[in-house]
Amino acid sequence: MSHKTEKVWVDGMFVKEVIGKWGSFLSVGIKFDEFVEKMREYVNDNGYLNININERRTPSETGITHSVSVNMFGLDKQSGDLEDAYKKADEDDDGWE
């Protein structure tokens, strides 16, 4: 059974591409308390929070040029991976409520 996990957006983190004297770079702002509180559950068994940073089609009104989401690959069900949770539920399902 295949279930698509919903994309989890990283709260409290903002990424803007900046063109500087030596080329472009990404400027990242992290609202630390909000970021840590909301992302703690997605830390893997090795202590990492894996994220994906993707360029937006168009920048936001405030100049945000990239979106940030949690990379769910390899997370167990306690860490937020719905795929493993569904597999476990299917294995434990004996047809009784």
Protein backbone atom coordinates (compact mmCIF):
# COMPACT_ATOMS: atom_id res chain seq x y z
CA MET A 1 0.00 0.00 0.00
CA SER A 2 1.46 3.34 -0.98
CA HIS A 3 0.49 6.55 0.76
CA LYS A 4 1.90 9.89 -0.24
CA THR A 5 3.14 11.87 2.72
CA GLU A 6 2.05 15.47 2.91
CA LYS A 7 4.73 18.10 2.50
CA VAL A 8 5.79 19.60 5.81
CA TRP A 9 6.87 23.20 5.45
CA VAL A 10 9.62 24.45 7.74
CA ASP A 11 8.21 27.18 9.97
CA GLY A 12 10.39 29.98 11.22
CA MET A 13 12.94 29.82 8.41
CA PHE A 14 13.20 32.31 5.56
CA VAL A 15 15.51 32.09 2.53
CA LYS A 16 16.32 34.90 0.11
CA GLU A 17 18.73 34.87 -2.80
CA VAL A 18 21.00 37.90 -2.68
CA ILE A 19 23.19 39.10 -5.54
CA GLY A 20 26.44 40.33 -4.05
CA LYS A 21 29.69 41.70 -5.36
CA TRP A 22 31.10 38.17 -5.89
CA GLY A 23 27.92 36.49 -7.13
CA SER A 24 24.71 35.20 -5.65
CA PHE A 25 24.25 33.57 -2.25
CA LEU A 26 21.36 32.50 -0.04
CA SER A 27 20.61 34.56 3.04
CA VAL A 28 18.83 32.44 5.66
CA GLY A 29 16.92 33.78 8.64
CA ILE A 30 15.78 31.42 11.38
CA LYS A 31 13.31 32.37 14.10
CA PHE A 32 15.06 30.02 16.49
CA ASP A 33 12.41 29.24 19.14
CA GLU A 34 9.64 28.68 16.58
CA PHE A 35 11.93 26.62 14.35
CA VAL A 36 13.17 24.33 17.12
CA GLU A 37 9.74 23.82 18.66
CA LYS A 38 8.01 22.86 15.43
CA MET A 39 10.83 20.90 13.78
CA ARG A 40 11.95 18.79 16.77
CA GLU A 41 9.60 15.93 15.84
CA TYR A 42 11.26 15.52 12.43
CA VAL A 43 14.79 14.84 13.71
CA ASN A 44 15.99 11.42 12.56
CA ASP A 45 17.62 8.69 14.67
CA ASN A 46 21.06 10.18 13.97
CA GLY A 47 20.02 13.60 15.30
CA TYR A 48 19.63 15.32 11.92
CA LEU A 49 16.78 17.43 10.58
CA ASN A 50 16.97 17.04 6.80
CA ILE A 51 15.42 19.81 4.76
CA ASN A 52 14.90 20.62 1.09
CA ILE A 53 15.39 24.17 -0.17
CA ASN A 54 13.63 24.81 -3.48
CA GLU A 55 13.58 27.95 -5.58
CA ARG A 56 10.13 29.53 -5.78
CA ARG A 57 8.65 30.30 -9.20
CA THR A 58 8.33 33.93 -8.22
CA PRO A 59 9.62 35.73 -5.13
CA SER A 60 7.13 36.67 -2.42
CA GLU A 61 6.18 40.28 -1.72
CA THR A 62 8.82 40.32 1.02
CA GLY A 63 11.55 38.95 -1.27
CA ILE A 64 11.51 35.31 -0.16
CA THR A 65 12.99 33.42 -3.13
CA HIS A 66 13.08 29.85 -1.81
CA SER A 67 10.72 27.51 0.03
CA VAL A 68 11.89 25.10 2.72
CA SER A 69 10.32 21.71 3.50
CA VAL A 70 11.24 18.71 5.61
CA ASN A 71 12.90 15.84 3.76
CA MET A 72 10.83 12.92 5.07
CA PHE A 73 13.05 10.16 3.63
CA GLY A 74 14.29 7.79 6.31
CA LEU A 75 12.20 9.07 9.21
CA ASP A 76 10.46 6.55 11.46
CA LYS A 77 6.81 6.92 12.43
CA GLN A 78 7.62 8.73 15.67
CA SER A 79 9.56 11.31 13.69
CA GLY A 80 6.74 12.10 11.30
CA ASP A 81 7.07 9.60 8.44
CA LEU A 82 3.54 8.56 7.57
CA GLU A 83 4.69 5.84 5.15
CA ASP A 84 6.18 3.72 7.96
CA ALA A 85 3.18 4.42 10.18
CA TYR A 86 0.82 3.13 7.46
CA LYS A 87 2.96 0.00 6.94
CA LYS A 88 2.92 -0.72 10.69
CA ALA A 89 -0.86 -0.18 10.86
CA ASP A 90 -1.38 -2.58 7.93
CA GLU A 91 0.76 -5.25 9.62
CA ASP A 92 -1.12 -4.89 12.92
CA ASP A 93 -4.58 -4.79 11.31
CA ASP A 94 -6.48 -7.91 12.24
CA GLY A 95 -9.84 -6.61 10.99
CA TRP A 96 -11.15 -5.70 14.45
CA GLU A 97 -11.79 -2.19 15.70
